[in-house]
């Protein structure tokens, strides 16, 4: 067993444990911290796949900026505690949908590994930060800007929704 394989299994266990902890946590701040740990383990997965730029982007964008935004909204809204009781009757539809998603993922997994692998592009070209930045900021400039505007609108919306209403105004 190689070092990379052992590290993969350890990271996979951490990623699954933090994902389960995030879903089952009753405190939303703890859930956000579980999510940060999950993002960091995914970034290490990218390092194992020899993709340092994507790993750095994972840590910077998701574990950094997005989680700061999530924690900002959680603290601004004062929603540290999630409802303590879980009604299992309300969970029927999400559980059925989750089971359908798992079956679909299993079928895709079997289909993917039953076919021979054909490489469509050179992986080294996507690991280069220069080519990656040209692809992101030249070829996909509009989606990057739309994503930035959506995040800005979400932050402004959270601030507007969390402001208390003044007495005497309609």
N, C-alpha and C. Protein backbone atom coordinates (compact mmCIF):
# COMPACT_ATOMS: atom_id res chain seq x y z
N UNK A 1 0.85 -1.18 0.00
CA UNK A 1 0.00 0.00 0.00
C UNK A 1 0.90 1.24 0.00
N UNK A 2 0.63 2.14 -0.93
CA UNK A 2 1.47 3.33 -1.06
C UNK A 2 1.01 4.41 -0.08
N UNK A 3 1.87 5.39 0.10
CA UNK A 3 1.56 6.50 1.00
C UNK A 3 0.35 7.28 0.50
N UNK A 4 0.27 7.49 -0.82
CA UNK A 4 -0.85 8.23 -1.38
C UNK A 4 -2.18 7.54 -1.14
N UNK A 5 -2.18 6.21 -1.23
CA UNK A 5 -3.41 5.46 -1.01
C UNK A 5 -3.85 5.53 0.45
N UNK A 6 -2.89 5.43 1.37
CA UNK A 6 -3.21 5.55 2.79
C UNK A 6 -3.74 6.95 3.10
N UNK A 7 -3.07 7.96 2.53
CA UNK A 7 -3.53 9.34 2.73
C UNK A 7 -4.92 9.55 2.13
N UNK A 8 -5.18 8.93 0.98
CA UNK A 8 -6.50 9.03 0.38
C UNK A 8 -7.57 8.47 1.30
N UNK A 9 -7.35 7.29 1.87
CA UNK A 9 -8.35 6.69 2.74
C UNK A 9 -8.57 7.50 4.02
N UNK A 10 -7.50 8.07 4.56
CA UNK A 10 -7.64 8.90 5.75
C UNK A 10 -8.44 10.16 5.41
N UNK A 11 -8.11 10.80 4.28
CA UNK A 11 -8.85 12.00 3.86
C UNK A 11 -10.29 11.69 3.51
N UNK A 12 -10.53 10.53 2.91
CA UNK A 12 -11.90 10.15 2.58
C UNK A 12 -12.72 9.97 3.86
N UNK A 13 -12.13 9.36 4.87
CA UNK A 13 -12.83 9.20 6.14
C UNK A 13 -13.11 10.55 6.79
N UNK A 14 -12.14 11.46 6.73
CA UNK A 14 -12.34 12.80 7.29
C UNK A 14 -13.43 13.54 6.52
N UNK A 15 -13.40 13.45 5.19
CA UNK A 15 -14.40 14.15 4.38
C UNK A 15 -15.81 13.63 4.65
N UNK A 16 -15.95 12.32 4.74
CA UNK A 16 -17.28 11.75 5.01
C UNK A 16 -17.73 12.10 6.43
N UNK A 17 -16.82 12.01 7.40
CA UNK A 17 -17.19 12.33 8.79
C UNK A 17 -17.59 13.79 8.94
N UNK A 18 -16.87 14.70 8.30
CA UNK A 18 -17.23 16.11 8.42
C UNK A 18 -18.51 16.43 7.67
N UNK A 19 -18.76 15.74 6.57
CA UNK A 19 -20.03 15.96 5.85
C UNK A 19 -21.20 15.48 6.69
N UNK A 20 -21.06 14.33 7.33
CA UNK A 20 -22.13 13.82 8.21
C UNK A 20 -22.29 14.74 9.42
N UNK A 21 -21.17 15.20 9.98
CA UNK A 21 -21.24 16.12 11.11
C UNK A 21 -21.91 17.43 10.75
N UNK A 22 -21.67 17.91 9.53
CA UNK A 22 -22.30 19.14 9.09
C UNK A 22 -23.81 18.96 8.97
N UNK A 23 -24.23 17.85 8.42
CA UNK A 23 -25.66 17.62 8.23
C UNK A 23 -26.38 17.40 9.56
N UNK A 24 -25.74 16.72 10.48
CA UNK A 24 -26.39 16.37 11.75
C UNK A 24 -26.20 17.40 12.85
N UNK A 25 -25.39 18.42 12.64
CA UNK A 25 -25.12 19.42 13.67
C UNK A 25 -26.34 20.29 13.92
N UNK A 26 -26.65 20.52 15.19
CA UNK A 26 -27.77 21.38 15.56
C UNK A 26 -27.34 22.84 15.64
N UNK A 27 -26.05 23.10 15.74
CA UNK A 27 -25.52 24.45 15.80
C UNK A 27 -24.99 24.82 14.42
N UNK A 28 -25.50 25.89 13.83
CA UNK A 28 -25.12 26.23 12.46
C UNK A 28 -23.67 26.72 12.37
N UNK A 29 -23.12 27.27 13.42
CA UNK A 29 -21.72 27.67 13.41
C UNK A 29 -20.83 26.44 13.35
N UNK A 30 -21.16 25.41 14.13
CA UNK A 30 -20.41 24.16 14.07
C UNK A 30 -20.56 23.50 12.70
N UNK A 31 -21.76 23.59 12.12
CA UNK A 31 -21.97 23.03 10.79
C UNK A 31 -21.08 23.74 9.77
N UNK A 32 -20.95 25.05 9.89
CA UNK A 32 -20.07 25.80 8.98
C UNK A 32 -18.61 25.40 9.18
N UNK A 33 -18.20 25.16 10.42
CA UNK A 33 -16.83 24.73 10.67
C UNK A 33 -16.57 23.33 10.14
N UNK A 34 -17.56 22.44 10.25
CA UNK A 34 -17.45 21.12 9.62
C UNK A 34 -17.27 21.27 8.11
N UNK A 35 -18.00 22.21 7.51
CA UNK A 35 -17.91 22.42 6.08
C UNK A 35 -16.54 22.94 5.69
N UNK A 36 -15.94 23.81 6.49
CA UNK A 36 -14.59 24.29 6.22
C UNK A 36 -13.61 23.13 6.23
N UNK A 37 -13.73 22.24 7.21
CA UNK A 37 -12.85 21.07 7.28
C UNK A 37 -13.04 20.19 6.06
N UNK A 38 -14.27 20.04 5.61
CA UNK A 38 -14.53 19.26 4.41
C UNK A 38 -13.89 19.91 3.19
N UNK A 39 -13.99 21.23 3.07
CA UNK A 39 -13.37 21.93 1.94
C UNK A 39 -11.85 21.75 1.95
N UNK A 40 -11.25 21.77 3.12
CA UNK A 40 -9.80 21.61 3.20
C UNK A 40 -9.39 20.20 2.82
N UNK A 41 -10.17 19.20 3.23
CA UNK A 41 -9.84 17.82 2.83
C UNK A 41 -9.99 17.64 1.32
N UNK A 42 -10.97 18.30 0.71
CA UNK A 42 -11.11 18.24 -0.74
C UNK A 42 -9.92 18.92 -1.42
N UNK A 43 -9.44 20.02 -0.84
CA UNK A 43 -8.26 20.69 -1.40
C UNK A 43 -7.04 19.77 -1.36
N UNK A 44 -6.91 18.99 -0.31
CA UNK A 44 -5.79 18.05 -0.24
C UNK A 44 -5.97 16.94 -1.27
N UNK A 45 -7.21 16.54 -1.55
CA UNK A 45 -7.47 15.59 -2.63
C UNK A 45 -6.93 16.14 -3.95
N UNK A 46 -7.17 17.43 -4.20
CA UNK A 46 -6.67 18.05 -5.43
C UNK A 46 -5.15 18.04 -5.47
N UNK A 47 -4.51 18.23 -4.32
CA UNK A 47 -3.05 18.15 -4.29
C UNK A 47 -2.57 16.74 -4.62
N UNK A 48 -3.30 15.74 -4.16
CA UNK A 48 -2.94 14.36 -4.49
C UNK A 48 -3.09 14.08 -5.98
N UNK A 49 -3.97 14.82 -6.63
CA UNK A 49 -4.18 14.65 -8.08
C UNK A 49 -3.27 15.55 -8.91
N UNK A 50 -2.27 16.17 -8.28
CA UNK A 50 -1.31 17.07 -8.94
C UNK A 50 -2.01 18.25 -9.60
N UNK A 51 -2.93 18.87 -8.87
CA UNK A 51 -3.61 20.07 -9.34
C UNK A 51 -3.47 21.16 -8.28
N UNK A 52 -2.28 21.77 -8.17
CA UNK A 52 -2.07 22.73 -7.08
C UNK A 52 -2.89 24.01 -7.23
N UNK A 53 -3.13 24.45 -8.47
CA UNK A 53 -3.90 25.68 -8.64
C UNK A 53 -5.34 25.49 -8.18
N UNK A 54 -5.94 24.37 -8.53
CA UNK A 54 -7.32 24.11 -8.11
C UNK A 54 -7.39 23.93 -6.60
N UNK A 55 -6.37 23.33 -6.02
CA UNK A 55 -6.32 23.18 -4.57
C UNK A 55 -6.26 24.54 -3.88
N UNK A 56 -5.42 25.42 -4.39
CA UNK A 56 -5.32 26.76 -3.81
C UNK A 56 -6.61 27.53 -4.01
N UNK A 57 -7.22 27.38 -5.17
CA UNK A 57 -8.51 28.05 -5.41
C UNK A 57 -9.59 27.51 -4.49
N UNK A 58 -9.56 26.21 -4.21
CA UNK A 58 -10.53 25.60 -3.29
C UNK A 58 -10.41 26.22 -1.90
N UNK A 59 -9.19 26.34 -1.41
CA UNK A 59 -8.99 26.90 -0.08
C UNK A 59 -9.33 28.39 -0.06
N UNK A 60 -8.88 29.11 -1.08
CA UNK A 60 -9.09 30.56 -1.10
C UNK A 60 -10.55 30.92 -1.28
N UNK A 61 -11.18 30.33 -2.28
CA UNK A 61 -12.55 30.72 -2.61
C UNK A 61 -13.55 30.12 -1.65
N UNK A 62 -13.52 28.81 -1.49
CA UNK A 62 -14.56 28.16 -0.68
C UNK A 62 -14.28 28.27 0.81
N UNK A 63 -13.13 27.77 1.25
CA UNK A 63 -12.85 27.78 2.69
C UNK A 63 -12.61 29.20 3.19
N UNK A 64 -12.21 30.09 2.31
CA UNK A 64 -11.97 31.46 2.72
C UNK A 64 -13.19 32.34 2.53
N UNK A 65 -13.43 32.74 1.30
CA UNK A 65 -14.45 33.76 1.02
C UNK A 65 -15.87 33.29 1.27
N UNK A 66 -16.24 32.15 0.75
CA UNK A 66 -17.63 31.68 0.87
C UNK A 66 -17.98 31.39 2.33
N UNK A 67 -17.06 30.78 3.07
CA UNK A 67 -17.36 30.46 4.47
C UNK A 67 -17.40 31.72 5.33
N UNK A 68 -16.60 32.72 5.00
CA UNK A 68 -16.70 33.99 5.72
C UNK A 68 -18.08 34.60 5.47
N UNK A 69 -18.55 34.51 4.23
CA UNK A 69 -19.88 35.00 3.91
C UNK A 69 -20.95 34.23 4.68
N UNK A 70 -20.84 32.89 4.72
CA UNK A 70 -21.80 32.08 5.47
C UNK A 70 -21.81 32.46 6.94
N UNK A 71 -20.63 32.55 7.54
CA UNK A 71 -20.56 32.89 8.97
C UNK A 71 -21.06 34.31 9.22
N UNK A 72 -20.80 35.22 8.29
CA UNK A 72 -21.32 36.58 8.40
C UNK A 72 -22.85 36.57 8.42
N UNK A 73 -23.45 35.82 7.54
CA UNK A 73 -24.91 35.74 7.49
C UNK A 73 -25.45 35.06 8.74
N UNK A 74 -24.81 34.00 9.20
CA UNK A 74 -25.27 33.29 10.41
C UNK A 74 -25.23 34.22 11.61
N UNK A 75 -24.12 34.94 11.77
CA UNK A 75 -24.01 35.84 12.92
C UNK A 75 -24.93 37.04 12.78
N UNK A 76 -25.12 37.54 11.57
CA UNK A 76 -25.98 38.70 11.36
C UNK A 76 -27.44 38.37 11.64
N UNK A 77 -27.85 37.18 11.23
CA UNK A 77 -29.24 36.78 11.44
C UNK A 77 -29.49 36.23 12.84
N UNK A 78 -28.42 35.91 13.56
CA UNK A 78 -28.58 35.36 14.89
C UNK A 78 -29.17 33.95 14.86
N UNK A 79 -28.80 33.19 13.85
CA UNK A 79 -29.37 31.85 13.68
C UNK A 79 -28.36 30.79 14.08
N UNK A 80 -27.74 30.95 15.24
CA UNK A 80 -26.74 29.98 15.65
C UNK A 80 -27.35 28.62 15.96
N UNK A 81 -28.54 28.62 16.51
CA UNK A 81 -29.19 27.35 16.85
C UNK A 81 -30.23 26.99 15.80
N UNK A 82 -30.18 25.77 15.36
CA UNK A 82 -31.17 25.25 14.43
C UNK A 82 -32.25 24.56 15.27
N UNK A 83 -33.43 24.41 14.72
CA UNK A 83 -34.55 23.81 15.46
C UNK A 83 -34.12 22.48 16.09
N UNK A 84 -34.35 22.31 17.41
CA UNK A 84 -33.84 21.12 18.09
C UNK A 84 -34.58 19.83 17.76
N UNK A 85 -35.85 19.91 17.41
CA UNK A 85 -36.61 18.70 17.16
C UNK A 85 -36.67 18.41 15.67
N UNK A 86 -36.57 17.14 15.35
CA UNK A 86 -36.63 16.71 13.96
C UNK A 86 -37.88 15.89 13.77
N UNK A 87 -38.76 16.33 12.89
CA UNK A 87 -39.99 15.62 12.60
C UNK A 87 -39.72 14.66 11.45
N UNK A 88 -39.76 13.36 11.73
CA UNK A 88 -39.43 12.36 10.72
C UNK A 88 -40.49 12.28 9.62
N UNK A 89 -41.71 12.73 9.88
CA UNK A 89 -42.73 12.73 8.83
C UNK A 89 -42.39 13.73 7.74
N UNK A 90 -41.77 14.84 8.13
CA UNK A 90 -41.38 15.84 7.14
C UNK A 90 -40.14 15.42 6.35
N UNK A 91 -39.48 14.37 6.79
CA UNK A 91 -38.26 13.91 6.14
C UNK A 91 -38.52 12.84 5.08
N UNK A 92 -39.75 12.45 4.84
CA UNK A 92 -40.04 11.36 3.91
C UNK A 92 -39.61 11.71 2.49
N UNK A 93 -40.02 12.86 2.00
CA UNK A 93 -39.68 13.24 0.61
C UNK A 93 -38.17 13.45 0.45
N UNK A 94 -37.49 14.17 1.37
CA UNK A 94 -36.03 14.28 1.20
C UNK A 94 -35.31 12.94 1.27
N UNK A 95 -35.78 12.02 2.10
CA UNK A 95 -35.14 10.71 2.17
C UNK A 95 -35.34 9.92 0.88
N UNK A 96 -36.52 10.00 0.29
CA UNK A 96 -36.77 9.32 -0.98
C UNK A 96 -35.89 9.92 -2.08
N UNK A 97 -35.79 11.25 -2.11
CA UNK A 97 -34.95 11.91 -3.10
C UNK A 97 -33.47 11.57 -2.89
N UNK A 98 -33.04 11.49 -1.64
CA UNK A 98 -31.65 11.11 -1.35
C UNK A 98 -31.37 9.68 -1.79
N UNK A 99 -32.33 8.78 -1.56
CA UNK A 99 -32.16 7.39 -2.01
C UNK A 99 -32.09 7.32 -3.53
N UNK A 100 -32.93 8.10 -4.21
CA UNK A 100 -32.89 8.12 -5.68
C UNK A 100 -31.55 8.66 -6.17
N UNK A 101 -31.03 9.68 -5.49
CA UNK A 101 -29.73 10.23 -5.86
C UNK A 101 -28.62 9.20 -5.66
N UNK A 102 -28.68 8.45 -4.58
CA UNK A 102 -27.67 7.42 -4.33
C UNK A 102 -27.73 6.32 -5.38
N UNK A 103 -28.94 5.92 -5.78
CA UNK A 103 -29.08 4.89 -6.81
C UNK A 103 -28.52 5.42 -8.14
N UNK A 104 -28.84 6.66 -8.45
CA UNK A 104 -28.33 7.25 -9.69
C UNK A 104 -26.80 7.35 -9.66
N UNK A 105 -26.24 7.76 -8.54
CA UNK A 105 -24.79 7.85 -8.42
C UNK A 105 -24.15 6.47 -8.56
N UNK A 106 -24.78 5.46 -7.98
CA UNK A 106 -24.26 4.09 -8.12
C UNK A 106 -24.30 3.62 -9.57
N UNK A 107 -25.39 3.90 -10.27
CA UNK A 107 -25.48 3.52 -11.67
C UNK A 107 -24.43 4.24 -12.52
N UNK A 108 -24.23 5.53 -12.27
CA UNK A 108 -23.21 6.27 -13.00
C UNK A 108 -21.81 5.75 -12.69
N UNK A 109 -21.59 5.37 -11.44
CA UNK A 109 -20.30 4.81 -11.05
C UNK A 109 -20.03 3.50 -11.78
N UNK A 110 -21.03 2.63 -11.82
CA UNK A 110 -20.87 1.35 -12.52
C UNK A 110 -20.68 1.58 -14.01
N UNK A 111 -21.46 2.49 -14.59
CA UNK A 111 -21.33 2.78 -16.01
C UNK A 111 -19.97 3.36 -16.35
N UNK A 112 -19.46 4.23 -15.50
CA UNK A 112 -18.17 4.87 -15.75
C UNK A 112 -17.03 3.86 -15.74
N UNK A 113 -17.06 2.93 -14.81
CA UNK A 113 -15.96 1.99 -14.71
C UNK A 113 -16.14 0.74 -15.55
N UNK A 114 -17.29 0.60 -16.21
CA UNK A 114 -17.46 -0.52 -17.12
C UNK A 114 -16.94 -0.18 -18.51
N UNK A 115 -16.75 1.10 -18.80
CA UNK A 115 -16.23 1.53 -20.09
C UNK A 115 -14.73 1.78 -19.99
N UNK A 116 -14.00 1.57 -21.07
CA UNK A 116 -12.56 1.87 -21.02
C UNK A 116 -12.32 3.36 -20.92
N UNK A 117 -11.24 3.72 -20.24
CA UNK A 117 -10.92 5.12 -20.03
C UNK A 117 -10.22 5.68 -21.26
N UNK A 118 -10.71 6.83 -21.74
CA UNK A 118 -10.04 7.53 -22.83
C UNK A 118 -9.79 8.96 -22.37
N UNK A 119 -8.56 9.38 -22.43
CA UNK A 119 -8.20 10.73 -22.01
C UNK A 119 -8.59 11.71 -23.12
N UNK A 120 -9.35 12.73 -22.74
CA UNK A 120 -9.81 13.69 -23.75
C UNK A 120 -8.89 14.89 -23.87
N UNK A 121 -8.14 15.22 -22.83
CA UNK A 121 -7.26 16.38 -22.88
C UNK A 121 -6.04 16.12 -22.01
N UNK A 122 -5.01 16.89 -22.26
CA UNK A 122 -3.79 16.77 -21.48
C UNK A 122 -4.01 17.41 -20.12
N UNK A 123 -3.84 16.65 -19.04
CA UNK A 123 -4.06 17.17 -17.70
C UNK A 123 -3.05 18.21 -17.28
N UNK A 124 -1.83 18.15 -17.85
CA UNK A 124 -0.79 19.11 -17.48
C UNK A 124 -1.15 20.52 -17.93
N UNK A 125 -1.92 20.63 -19.00
CA UNK A 125 -2.31 21.96 -19.48
C UNK A 125 -3.24 22.66 -18.51
N UNK A 126 -4.03 21.90 -17.78
CA UNK A 126 -4.96 22.49 -16.83
C UNK A 126 -4.33 22.73 -15.46
N UNK A 127 -3.16 22.18 -15.22
CA UNK A 127 -2.48 22.39 -13.94
C UNK A 127 -1.65 23.67 -13.95
N UNK A 128 -1.39 24.21 -15.13
CA UNK A 128 -0.59 25.42 -15.25
C UNK A 128 -1.43 26.64 -14.85
N UNK A 129 -0.98 27.44 -13.88
CA UNK A 129 -1.78 28.60 -13.46
C UNK A 129 -2.03 29.62 -14.57
N UNK A 130 -1.08 29.78 -15.47
CA UNK A 130 -1.25 30.75 -16.56
C UNK A 130 -2.38 30.34 -17.50
N UNK A 131 -2.39 29.08 -17.92
CA UNK A 131 -3.45 28.63 -18.82
C UNK A 131 -4.80 28.60 -18.11
N UNK A 132 -4.77 28.27 -16.82
CA UNK A 132 -6.02 28.24 -16.06
C UNK A 132 -6.58 29.66 -15.91
N UNK A 133 -5.72 30.63 -15.66
CA UNK A 133 -6.20 32.01 -15.51
C UNK A 133 -6.71 32.56 -16.84
N UNK A 134 -6.05 32.21 -17.94
CA UNK A 134 -6.54 32.64 -19.25
C UNK A 134 -7.90 32.02 -19.52
N UNK A 135 -8.05 30.75 -19.19
CA UNK A 135 -9.34 30.09 -19.40
C UNK A 135 -10.43 30.74 -18.56
N UNK A 136 -10.12 31.02 -17.29
CA UNK A 136 -11.14 31.60 -16.41
C UNK A 136 -11.49 33.03 -16.77
N UNK A 137 -10.49 33.86 -16.97
CA UNK A 137 -10.74 35.29 -17.09
C UNK A 137 -10.79 35.82 -18.53
N UNK A 138 -10.61 34.96 -19.51
CA UNK A 138 -10.80 35.35 -20.90
C UNK A 138 -11.98 34.59 -21.50
N UNK A 139 -11.90 33.26 -21.44
CA UNK A 139 -12.96 32.45 -22.05
C UNK A 139 -14.25 32.48 -21.23
N UNK A 140 -14.14 32.50 -19.91
CA UNK A 140 -15.32 32.44 -19.04
C UNK A 140 -15.46 33.69 -18.19
N UNK A 141 -15.19 34.85 -18.76
CA UNK A 141 -15.26 36.09 -18.00
C UNK A 141 -16.69 36.41 -17.55
N UNK A 142 -17.65 36.23 -18.43
CA UNK A 142 -19.04 36.53 -18.08
C UNK A 142 -19.56 35.66 -16.93
N UNK A 143 -19.38 34.32 -16.96
CA UNK A 143 -19.85 33.54 -15.80
C UNK A 143 -19.17 33.91 -14.49
N UNK A 144 -17.89 34.27 -14.53
CA UNK A 144 -17.19 34.68 -13.31
C UNK A 144 -17.80 35.98 -12.78
N UNK A 145 -18.08 36.93 -13.66
CA UNK A 145 -18.68 38.18 -13.22
C UNK A 145 -20.11 37.99 -12.74
N UNK A 146 -20.87 37.13 -13.39
CA UNK A 146 -22.25 36.86 -12.95
C UNK A 146 -22.23 36.22 -11.57
N UNK A 147 -21.30 35.31 -11.33
CA UNK A 147 -21.18 34.69 -10.01
C UNK A 147 -20.85 35.72 -8.95
N UNK A 148 -19.94 36.64 -9.24
CA UNK A 148 -19.61 37.70 -8.30
C UNK A 148 -20.80 38.59 -7.99
N UNK A 149 -21.58 38.93 -9.01
CA UNK A 149 -22.77 39.76 -8.79
C UNK A 149 -23.80 39.00 -7.96
N UNK A 150 -23.98 37.70 -8.22
CA UNK A 150 -24.93 36.91 -7.43
C UNK A 150 -24.53 36.84 -5.96
N UNK A 151 -23.23 36.69 -5.69
CA UNK A 151 -22.78 36.68 -4.30
C UNK A 151 -22.99 38.03 -3.64
N UNK A 152 -22.76 39.11 -4.38
CA UNK A 152 -22.99 40.45 -3.84
C UNK A 152 -24.47 40.66 -3.55
N UNK A 153 -25.35 40.24 -4.44
CA UNK A 153 -26.79 40.38 -4.23
C UNK A 153 -27.24 39.55 -3.03
N UNK A 154 -26.67 38.35 -2.87
CA UNK A 154 -27.02 37.51 -1.72
C UNK A 154 -26.60 38.17 -0.41
N UNK A 155 -25.43 38.78 -0.39
CA UNK A 155 -24.97 39.44 0.83
C UNK A 155 -25.84 40.66 1.15
N UNK A 156 -26.16 41.47 0.13
CA UNK A 156 -27.00 42.64 0.36
C UNK A 156 -28.40 42.19 0.79
N UNK A 157 -28.93 41.14 0.18
CA UNK A 157 -30.24 40.61 0.58
C UNK A 157 -30.25 40.12 2.02
N UNK A 158 -29.19 39.47 2.45
CA UNK A 158 -29.12 39.01 3.84
C UNK A 158 -29.08 40.19 4.80
N UNK A 159 -28.38 41.24 4.44
CA UNK A 159 -28.33 42.42 5.30
C UNK A 159 -29.70 43.09 5.36
N UNK A 160 -30.36 43.23 4.22
CA UNK A 160 -31.67 43.88 4.19
C UNK A 160 -32.70 43.06 4.97
N UNK A 161 -32.66 41.74 4.82
CA UNK A 161 -33.63 40.89 5.53
C UNK A 161 -33.39 40.86 7.03
N UNK A 162 -32.17 41.08 7.45
CA UNK A 162 -31.88 40.99 8.88
C UNK A 162 -32.09 42.30 9.63
N UNK A 163 -32.28 43.39 8.91
CA UNK A 163 -32.49 44.67 9.60
C UNK A 163 -33.86 44.67 10.27
N UNK A 164 -33.91 45.08 11.53
CA UNK A 164 -35.22 45.12 12.19
C UNK A 164 -36.07 46.25 11.63
N UNK A 165 -37.38 46.01 11.59
CA UNK A 165 -38.29 47.04 11.09
C UNK A 165 -38.46 48.11 12.15
N UNK A 166 -38.54 49.35 11.71
CA UNK A 166 -38.72 50.46 12.64
C UNK A 166 -40.20 50.60 12.96
N UNK A 167 -40.49 50.95 14.18
CA UNK A 167 -41.89 51.13 14.60
C UNK A 167 -42.46 52.35 13.91
N UNK A 168 -43.70 52.25 13.50
CA UNK A 168 -44.38 53.38 12.89
C UNK A 168 -44.26 53.43 11.38
N UNK A 169 -43.48 52.53 10.80
CA UNK A 169 -43.37 52.48 9.34
C UNK A 169 -44.12 51.27 8.83
N UNK A 170 -44.70 51.38 7.65
CA UNK A 170 -45.47 50.29 7.07
C UNK A 170 -44.60 49.37 6.30
